[in-house]
């Protein structure tokens, strides 16, 4: 499937993901038909430490998303690492 990379996706980063990247948000090129898994693969290639997290939840438009969720223009994405508490 061809991906039309004609817009920017805003990705909010939380917790350790923010620390790894060094900022609280990113803008990455994206397009219709790109999956959450493909976006994660791109981010992990750019920031290899993200790939070392034991789990990383992804929210699309404030709802948890599976790896096969397809992205659309103007989606709001959040990377949410595991949270420890007590």
PDB file of N, CA and C in Angstrom:
ATOM      1  N   UNK A   1       0.839  -1.179   0.000  1.00  0.00           N
ATOM      2  CA  UNK A   1       0.000   0.000   0.000  1.00  0.00           C
ATOM      3  C   UNK A   1       0.885   1.244   0.000  1.00  0.00           C
ATOM      4  N   UNK A   2       0.615   2.172  -0.877  1.00  0.00           N
ATOM      5  CA  UNK A   2       1.345   3.428  -0.910  1.00  0.00           C
ATOM      6  C   UNK A   2       0.828   4.361   0.163  1.00  0.00           C
ATOM      7  N   UNK A   3       1.738   5.060   0.806  1.00  0.00           N
ATOM      8  CA  UNK A   3       1.364   6.014   1.837  1.00  0.00           C
ATOM      9  C   UNK A   3       1.582   7.411   1.279  1.00  0.00           C
ATOM     10  N   UNK A   4       0.552   8.238   1.350  1.00  0.00           N
ATOM     11  CA  UNK A   4       0.631   9.612   0.881  1.00  0.00           C
ATOM     12  C   UNK A   4       1.151  10.477   2.021  1.00  0.00           C
ATOM     13  N   UNK A   5       2.431  10.842   1.977  1.00  0.00           N
ATOM     14  CA  UNK A   5       3.045  11.606   3.068  1.00  0.00           C
ATOM     15  C   UNK A   5       2.905  13.096   2.807  1.00  0.00           C
ATOM     16  N   UNK A   6       1.697  13.590   2.935  1.00  0.00           N
ATOM     17  CA  UNK A   6       1.445  14.976   2.581  1.00  0.00           C
ATOM     18  C   UNK A   6       1.094  15.836   3.784  1.00  0.00           C
ATOM     19  N   UNK A   7       1.187  15.322   4.982  1.00  0.00           N
ATOM     20  CA  UNK A   7       0.868  16.142   6.145  1.00  0.00           C
ATOM     21  C   UNK A   7       1.752  15.752   7.322  1.00  0.00           C
ATOM     22  N   UNK A   8       1.721  16.587   8.339  1.00  0.00           N
ATOM     23  CA  UNK A   8       2.513  16.345   9.532  1.00  0.00           C
ATOM     24  C   UNK A   8       1.608  15.808  10.639  1.00  0.00           C
ATOM     25  N   UNK A   9       2.126  14.840  11.389  1.00  0.00           N
ATOM     26  CA  UNK A   9       1.416  14.262  12.525  1.00  0.00           C
ATOM     27  C   UNK A   9       2.062  14.812  13.790  1.00  0.00           C
ATOM     28  N   UNK A  10       1.251  15.314  14.700  1.00  0.00           N
ATOM     29  CA  UNK A  10       1.738  15.764  16.003  1.00  0.00           C
ATOM     30  C   UNK A  10       1.725  14.582  16.953  1.00  0.00           C
ATOM     31  N   UNK A  11       2.858  14.325  17.592  1.00  0.00           N
ATOM     32  CA  UNK A  11       2.991  13.213  18.527  1.00  0.00           C
ATOM     33  C   UNK A  11       3.378  13.784  19.885  1.00  0.00           C
ATOM     34  N   UNK A  12       2.502  13.613  20.879  1.00  0.00           N
ATOM     35  CA  UNK A  12       2.798  14.037  22.251  1.00  0.00           C
ATOM     36  C   UNK A  12       3.546  12.904  22.947  1.00  0.00           C
ATOM     37  N   UNK A  13       4.547  13.254  23.734  1.00  0.00           N
ATOM     38  CA  UNK A  13       5.387  12.268  24.412  1.00  0.00           C
ATOM     39  C   UNK A  13       5.268  12.458  25.920  1.00  0.00           C
ATOM     40  N   UNK A  14       5.169  11.358  26.630  1.00  0.00           N
ATOM     41  CA  UNK A  14       5.015  11.408  28.072  1.00  0.00           C
ATOM     42  C   UNK A  14       6.069  10.544  28.761  1.00  0.00           C
ATOM     43  N   UNK A  15       6.373  10.875  30.017  1.00  0.00           N
ATOM     44  CA  UNK A  15       7.274  10.081  30.846  1.00  0.00           C
ATOM     45  C   UNK A  15       8.628   9.844  30.211  1.00  0.00           C
ATOM     46  N   UNK A  16       9.067   8.596  30.261  1.00  0.00           N
ATOM     47  CA  UNK A  16      10.390   8.228  29.759  1.00  0.00           C
ATOM     48  C   UNK A  16      10.501   8.468  28.255  1.00  0.00           C
ATOM     49  N   UNK A  17       9.397   8.365  27.518  1.00  0.00           N
ATOM     50  CA  UNK A  17       9.442   8.641  26.071  1.00  0.00           C
ATOM     51  C   UNK A  17       9.859  10.099  25.837  1.00  0.00           C
ATOM     52  N   UNK A  18       9.339  11.009  26.646  1.00  0.00           N
ATOM     53  CA  UNK A  18       9.724  12.416  26.542  1.00  0.00           C
ATOM     54  C   UNK A  18      11.212  12.586  26.867  1.00  0.00           C
ATOM     55  N   UNK A  19      11.683  11.875  27.883  1.00  0.00           N
ATOM     56  CA  UNK A  19      13.099  11.963  28.258  1.00  0.00           C
ATOM     57  C   UNK A  19      13.997  11.422  27.147  1.00  0.00           C
ATOM     58  N   UNK A  20      13.616  10.319  26.534  1.00  0.00           N
ATOM     59  CA  UNK A  20      14.418   9.717  25.466  1.00  0.00           C
ATOM     60  C   UNK A  20      14.543  10.670  24.287  1.00  0.00           C
ATOM     61  N   UNK A  21      13.435  11.257  23.883  1.00  0.00           N
ATOM     62  CA  UNK A  21      13.415  12.136  22.713  1.00  0.00           C
ATOM     63  C   UNK A  21      13.973  13.515  23.038  1.00  0.00           C
ATOM     64  N   UNK A  22      13.823  13.946  24.293  1.00  0.00           N
ATOM     65  CA  UNK A  22      14.352  15.236  24.693  1.00  0.00           C
ATOM     66  C   UNK A  22      13.398  16.397  24.478  1.00  0.00           C
ATOM     67  N   UNK A  23      12.146  16.093  24.202  1.00  0.00           N
ATOM     68  CA  UNK A  23      11.137  17.139  24.067  1.00  0.00           C
ATOM     69  C   UNK A  23       9.763  16.514  24.294  1.00  0.00           C
ATOM     70  N   UNK A  24       8.763  17.359  24.525  1.00  0.00           N
ATOM     71  CA  UNK A  24       7.439  16.857  24.880  1.00  0.00           C
ATOM     72  C   UNK A  24       6.557  16.546  23.674  1.00  0.00           C
ATOM     73  N   UNK A  25       6.984  16.945  22.484  1.00  0.00           N
ATOM     74  CA  UNK A  25       6.198  16.616  21.295  1.00  0.00           C
ATOM     75  C   UNK A  25       7.096  16.615  20.063  1.00  0.00           C
ATOM     76  N   UNK A  26       6.618  15.927  19.038  1.00  0.00           N
ATOM     77  CA  UNK A  26       7.318  15.839  17.757  1.00  0.00           C
ATOM     78  C   UNK A  26       6.326  16.079  16.634  1.00  0.00           C
ATOM     79  N   UNK A  27       6.826  16.514  15.513  1.00  0.00           N
ATOM     80  CA  UNK A  27       6.047  16.522  14.289  1.00  0.00           C
ATOM     81  C   UNK A  27       6.755  15.593  13.319  1.00  0.00           C
ATOM     82  N   UNK A  28       6.018  14.613  12.807  1.00  0.00           N
ATOM     83  CA  UNK A  28       6.592  13.658  11.857  1.00  0.00           C
ATOM     84  C   UNK A  28       5.716  13.605  10.618  1.00  0.00           C
ATOM     85  N   UNK A  29       6.339  13.306   9.484  1.00  0.00           N
ATOM     86  CA  UNK A  29       5.589  13.175   8.236  1.00  0.00           C
ATOM     87  C   UNK A  29       4.721  11.932   8.301  1.00  0.00           C
ATOM     88  N   UNK A  30       3.500  12.048   7.821  1.00  0.00           N
ATOM     89  CA  UNK A  30       2.601  10.913   7.832  1.00  0.00           C
ATOM     90  C   UNK A  30       1.642  11.002   6.665  1.00  0.00           C
ATOM     91  N   UNK A  31       0.838   9.991   6.543  1.00  0.00           N
ATOM     92  CA  UNK A  31      -0.112  10.006   5.453  1.00  0.00           C
ATOM     93  C   UNK A  31      -1.213   8.992   5.628  1.00  0.00           C
ATOM     94  N   UNK A  32      -2.247   9.156   4.828  1.00  0.00           N
ATOM     95  CA  UNK A  32      -3.365   8.227   4.843  1.00  0.00           C
ATOM     96  C   UNK A  32      -2.843   6.817   4.610  1.00  0.00           C
ATOM     97  N   UNK A  33      -3.314   5.887   5.403  1.00  0.00           N
ATOM     98  CA  UNK A  33      -2.922   4.498   5.232  1.00  0.00           C
ATOM     99  C   UNK A  33      -1.754   4.064   6.088  1.00  0.00           C
ATOM    100  N   UNK A  34      -1.086   4.986   6.760  1.00  0.00           N
ATOM    101  CA  UNK A  34       0.007   4.616   7.651  1.00  0.00           C
ATOM    102  C   UNK A  34      -0.597   4.057   8.937  1.00  0.00           C
ATOM    103  N   UNK A  35      -0.039   2.960   9.413  1.00  0.00           N
ATOM    104  CA  UNK A  35      -0.549   2.344  10.642  1.00  0.00           C
ATOM    105  C   UNK A  35       0.234   2.838  11.852  1.00  0.00           C
ATOM    106  N   UNK A  36      -0.336   2.604  13.011  1.00  0.00           N
ATOM    107  CA  UNK A  36       0.354   2.916  14.265  1.00  0.00           C
ATOM    108  C   UNK A  36       1.678   2.162  14.318  1.00  0.00           C
ATOM    109  N   UNK A  37       1.694   0.898  13.895  1.00  0.00           N
ATOM    110  CA  UNK A  37       2.929   0.100  13.905  1.00  0.00           C
ATOM    111  C   UNK A  37       3.993   0.738  13.023  1.00  0.00           C
ATOM    112  N   UNK A  38       3.599   1.246  11.849  1.00  0.00           N
ATOM    113  CA  UNK A  38       4.567   1.886  10.955  1.00  0.00           C
ATOM    114  C   UNK A  38       5.103   3.181  11.555  1.00  0.00           C
ATOM    115  N   UNK A  39       4.230   3.950  12.197  1.00  0.00           N
ATOM    116  CA  UNK A  39       4.678   5.168  12.864  1.00  0.00           C
ATOM    117  C   UNK A  39       5.665   4.835  13.972  1.00  0.00           C
ATOM    118  N   UNK A  40       5.336   3.826  14.792  1.00  0.00           N
ATOM    119  CA  UNK A  40       6.245   3.418  15.863  1.00  0.00           C
ATOM    120  C   UNK A  40       7.589   2.962  15.311  1.00  0.00           C
ATOM    121  N   UNK A  41       7.579   2.200  14.231  1.00  0.00           N
ATOM    122  CA  UNK A  41       8.830   1.730  13.622  1.00  0.00           C
ATOM    123  C   UNK A  41       9.687   2.916  13.187  1.00  0.00           C
ATOM    124  N   UNK A  42       9.074   3.925  12.589  1.00  0.00           N
ATOM    125  CA  UNK A  42       9.815   5.122  12.183  1.00  0.00           C
ATOM    126  C   UNK A  42      10.421   5.829  13.389  1.00  0.00           C
ATOM    127  N   UNK A  43       9.618   5.984  14.448  1.00  0.00           N
ATOM    128  CA  UNK A  43      10.116   6.664  15.644  1.00  0.00           C
ATOM    129  C   UNK A  43      11.216   5.862  16.331  1.00  0.00           C
ATOM    130  N   UNK A  44      11.080   4.533  16.351  1.00  0.00           N
ATOM    131  CA  UNK A  44      12.101   3.692  16.974  1.00  0.00           C
ATOM    132  C   UNK A  44      13.386   3.677  16.151  1.00  0.00           C
ATOM    133  N   UNK A  45      13.289   3.835  14.846  1.00  0.00           N
ATOM    134  CA  UNK A  45      14.486   3.937  14.011  1.00  0.00           C
ATOM    135  C   UNK A  45      15.211   5.251  14.297  1.00  0.00           C
ATOM    136  N   UNK A  46      14.443   6.289  14.523  1.00  0.00           N
ATOM    137  CA  UNK A  46      15.018   7.608  14.790  1.00  0.00           C
ATOM    138  C   UNK A  46      15.522   7.723  16.228  1.00  0.00           C
ATOM    139  N   UNK A  47      14.813   7.067  17.156  1.00  0.00           N
ATOM    140  CA  UNK A  47      15.156   7.100  18.584  1.00  0.00           C
ATOM    141  C   UNK A  47      15.199   5.658  19.094  1.00  0.00           C
ATOM    142  N   UNK A  48      16.319   4.947  18.890  1.00  0.00           N
ATOM    143  CA  UNK A  48      16.397   3.516  19.219  1.00  0.00           C
ATOM    144  C   UNK A  48      16.031   3.172  20.660  1.00  0.00           C
ATOM    145  N   UNK A  49      16.242   4.072  21.594  1.00  0.00           N
ATOM    146  CA  UNK A  49      15.902   3.793  22.997  1.00  0.00           C
ATOM    147  C   UNK A  49      14.400   3.569  23.178  1.00  0.00           C
ATOM    148  N   UNK A  50      13.569   4.149  22.321  1.00  0.00           N
ATOM    149  CA  UNK A  50      12.126   3.894  22.399  1.00  0.00           C
ATOM    150  C   UNK A  50      11.823   2.415  22.188  1.00  0.00           C
ATOM    151  N   UNK A  51      12.591   1.766  21.340  1.00  0.00           N
ATOM    152  CA  UNK A  51      12.400   0.346  21.069  1.00  0.00           C
ATOM    153  C   UNK A  51      12.777  -0.545  22.235  1.00  0.00           C
ATOM    154  N   UNK A  52      13.501  -0.002  23.186  1.00  0.00           N
ATOM    155  CA  UNK A  52      13.922  -0.793  24.350  1.00  0.00           C
ATOM    156  C   UNK A  52      12.912  -0.744  25.496  1.00  0.00           C
ATOM    157  N   UNK A  53      11.878   0.092  25.361  1.00  0.00           N
ATOM    158  CA  UNK A  53      10.839   0.122  26.395  1.00  0.00           C
ATOM    159  C   UNK A  53      10.052  -1.169  26.334  1.00  0.00           C
ATOM    160  N   UNK A  54       9.735  -1.743  27.491  1.00  0.00           N
ATOM    161  CA  UNK A  54       9.050  -3.042  27.489  1.00  0.00           C
ATOM    162  C   UNK A  54       7.619  -2.943  26.980  1.00  0.00           C
ATOM    163  N   UNK A  55       7.028  -1.782  27.079  1.00  0.00           N
ATOM    164  CA  UNK A  55       5.711  -1.561  26.473  1.00  0.00           C
ATOM    165  C   UNK A  55       5.562  -0.067  26.228  1.00  0.00           C
ATOM    166  N   UNK A  56       4.762   0.254  25.244  1.00  0.00           N
ATOM    167  CA  UNK A  56       4.529   1.647  24.889  1.00  0.00           C
ATOM    168  C   UNK A  56       3.134   1.729  24.292  1.00  0.00           C
ATOM    169  N   UNK A  57       2.218   2.320  25.049  1.00  0.00           N
ATOM    170  CA  UNK A  57       0.847   2.458  24.555  1.00  0.00           C
ATOM    171  C   UNK A  57       0.779   3.661  23.619  1.00  0.00           C
ATOM    172  N   UNK A  58      -0.103   3.558  22.649  1.00  0.00           N
ATOM    173  CA  UNK A  58      -0.314   4.644  21.695  1.00  0.00           C
ATOM    174  C   UNK A  58      -1.784   5.024  21.751  1.00  0.00           C
ATOM    175  N   UNK A  59      -2.040   6.313  21.875  1.00  0.00           N
ATOM    176  CA  UNK A  59      -3.403   6.820  21.813  1.00  0.00           C
ATOM    177  C   UNK A  59      -3.549   7.634  20.536  1.00  0.00           C
ATOM    178  N   UNK A  60      -4.677   7.442  19.863  1.00  0.00           N
ATOM    179  CA  UNK A  60      -5.017   8.208  18.675  1.00  0.00           C
ATOM    180  C   UNK A  60      -6.323   8.926  18.985  1.00  0.00           C
ATOM    181  N   UNK A  61      -6.261  10.240  18.952  1.00  0.00           N
ATOM    182  CA  UNK A  61      -7.443  11.054  19.267  1.00  0.00           C
ATOM    183  C   UNK A  61      -8.032  10.689  20.631  1.00  0.00           C
ATOM    184  N   UNK A  62      -7.145  10.579  21.614  1.00  0.00           N
ATOM    185  CA  UNK A  62      -7.511  10.332  23.018  1.00  0.00           C
ATOM    186  C   UNK A  62      -8.099   8.956  23.291  1.00  0.00           C
ATOM    187  N   UNK A  63      -7.880   7.994  22.397  1.00  0.00           N
ATOM    188  CA  UNK A  63      -8.332   6.618  22.602  1.00  0.00           C
ATOM    189  C   UNK A  63      -7.163   5.677  22.341  1.00  0.00           C
ATOM    190  N   UNK A  64      -6.973   4.696  23.224  1.00  0.00           N
ATOM    191  CA  UNK A  64      -5.904   3.733  22.992  1.00  0.00           C
ATOM    192  C   UNK A  64      -6.115   3.052  21.648  1.00  0.00           C
ATOM    193  N   UNK A  65      -5.002   2.851  20.932  1.00  0.00           N
ATOM    194  CA  UNK A  65      -5.073   2.297  19.575  1.00  0.00           C
ATOM    195  C   UNK A  65      -4.208   1.048  19.470  1.00  0.00           C
ATOM    196  N   UNK A  66      -4.610   0.133  18.606  1.00  0.00           N
ATOM    197  CA  UNK A  66      -3.824  -1.070  18.338  1.00  0.00           C
ATOM    198  C   UNK A  66      -2.825  -0.768  17.222  1.00  0.00           C
ATOM    199  N   UNK A  67      -1.870  -1.656  17.039  1.00  0.00           N
ATOM    200  CA  UNK A  67      -0.833  -1.457  16.025  1.00  0.00           C
ATOM    201  C   UNK A  67      -1.386  -1.362  14.613  1.00  0.00           C
ATOM    202  N   UNK A  68      -2.533  -1.976  14.359  1.00  0.00           N
ATOM    203  CA  UNK A  68      -3.078  -1.946  13.005  1.00  0.00           C
ATOM    204  C   UNK A  68      -4.033  -0.772  12.755  1.00  0.00           C
ATOM    205  N   UNK A  69      -4.205   0.099  13.739  1.00  0.00           N
ATOM    206  CA  UNK A  69      -5.029   1.294  13.543  1.00  0.00           C
ATOM    207  C   UNK A  69      -4.401   2.160  12.466  1.00  0.00           C
ATOM    208  N   UNK A  70      -5.196   2.579  11.492  1.00  0.00           N
ATOM    209  CA  UNK A  70      -4.707   3.436  10.419  1.00  0.00           C
ATOM    210  C   UNK A  70      -4.862   4.900  10.801  1.00  0.00           C
ATOM    211  N   UNK A  71      -3.851   5.674  10.467  1.00  0.00           N
ATOM    212  CA  UNK A  71      -3.841   7.098  10.807  1.00  0.00           C
ATOM    213  C   UNK A  71      -4.434   7.924   9.681  1.00  0.00           C
ATOM    214  N   UNK A  72      -5.019   9.051  10.067  1.00  0.00           N
ATOM    215  CA  UNK A  72      -5.588  10.000   9.113  1.00  0.00           C
ATOM    216  C   UNK A  72      -4.999  11.374   9.399  1.00  0.00           C
ATOM    217  N   UNK A  73      -5.161  12.267   8.458  1.00  0.00           N
ATOM    218  CA  UNK A  73      -4.671  13.624   8.640  1.00  0.00           C
ATOM    219  C   UNK A  73      -5.277  14.262   9.877  1.00  0.00           C
ATOM    220  N   UNK A  74      -4.473  14.989  10.591  1.00  0.00           N
ATOM    221  CA  UNK A  74      -4.880  15.755  11.775  1.00  0.00           C
ATOM    222  C   UNK A  74      -5.210  14.893  12.993  1.00  0.00           C
ATOM    223  N   UNK A  75      -4.813  13.605  12.981  1.00  0.00           N
ATOM    224  CA  UNK A  75      -4.963  12.793  14.184  1.00  0.00           C
ATOM    225  C   UNK A  75      -4.020  13.317  15.256  1.00  0.00           C
ATOM    226  N   UNK A  76      -4.465  13.239  16.507  1.00  0.00           N
ATOM    227  CA  UNK A  76      -3.601  13.552  17.646  1.00  0.00           C
ATOM    228  C   UNK A  76      -3.084  12.242  18.197  1.00  0.00           C
ATOM    229  N   UNK A  77      -1.766  12.102  18.244  1.00  0.00           N
ATOM    230  CA  UNK A  77      -1.112  10.875  18.689  1.00  0.00           C
ATOM    231  C   UNK A  77      -0.412  11.138  20.006  1.00  0.00           C
ATOM    232  N   UNK A  78      -0.453  10.174  20.925  1.00  0.00           N
ATOM    233  CA  UNK A  78       0.294  10.256  22.186  1.00  0.00           C
ATOM    234  C   UNK A  78       1.002   8.938  22.423  1.00  0.00           C
ATOM    235  N   UNK A  79       2.269   9.013  22.824  1.00  0.00           N
ATOM    236  CA  UNK A  79       3.037   7.827  23.224  1.00  0.00           C
ATOM    237  C   UNK A  79       3.048   7.804  24.752  1.00  0.00           C
ATOM    238  N   UNK A  80       2.543   6.716  25.302  1.00  0.00           N
ATOM    239  CA  UNK A  80       2.382   6.617  26.754  1.00  0.00           C
ATOM    240  C   UNK A  80       3.155   5.395  27.246  1.00  0.00           C
ATOM    241  N   UNK A  81       4.292   5.627  27.893  1.00  0.00           N
ATOM    242  CA  UNK A  81       5.105   4.519  28.391  1.00  0.00           C
ATOM    243  C   UNK A  81       4.466   3.918  29.662  1.00  0.00           C
ATOM    244  N   UNK A  82       4.974   2.760  30.087  1.00  0.00           N
ATOM    245  CA  UNK A  82       4.458   2.178  31.338  1.00  0.00           C
ATOM    246  C   UNK A  82       4.686   3.137  32.498  1.00  0.00           C
ATOM    247  N   UNK A  83       3.752   3.121  33.420  1.00  0.00           N
ATOM    248  CA  UNK A  83       3.819   4.013  34.579  1.00  0.00           C
ATOM    249  C   UNK A  83       3.940   3.155  35.813  1.00  0.00           C
ATOM    250  N   UNK A  84       4.882   3.506  36.684  1.00  0.00           N
ATOM    251  CA  UNK A  84       4.988   2.791  37.946  1.00  0.00           C
ATOM    252  C   UNK A  84       4.413   3.689  39.034  1.00  0.00           C
ATOM    253  N   UNK A  85       3.855   3.076  40.008  1.00  0.00           N
ATOM    254  CA  UNK A  85       3.250   3.862  41.088  1.00  0.00           C
ATOM    255  C   UNK A  85       3.276   3.089  42.377  1.00  0.00           C
ATOM    256  N   UNK A  86       2.820   3.714  43.403  1.00  0.00           N
ATOM    257  CA  UNK A  86       2.850   3.015  44.664  1.00  0.00           C
ATOM    258  C   UNK A  86       1.770   3.437  45.584  1.00  0.00           C
TER     259      UNK A  86
END
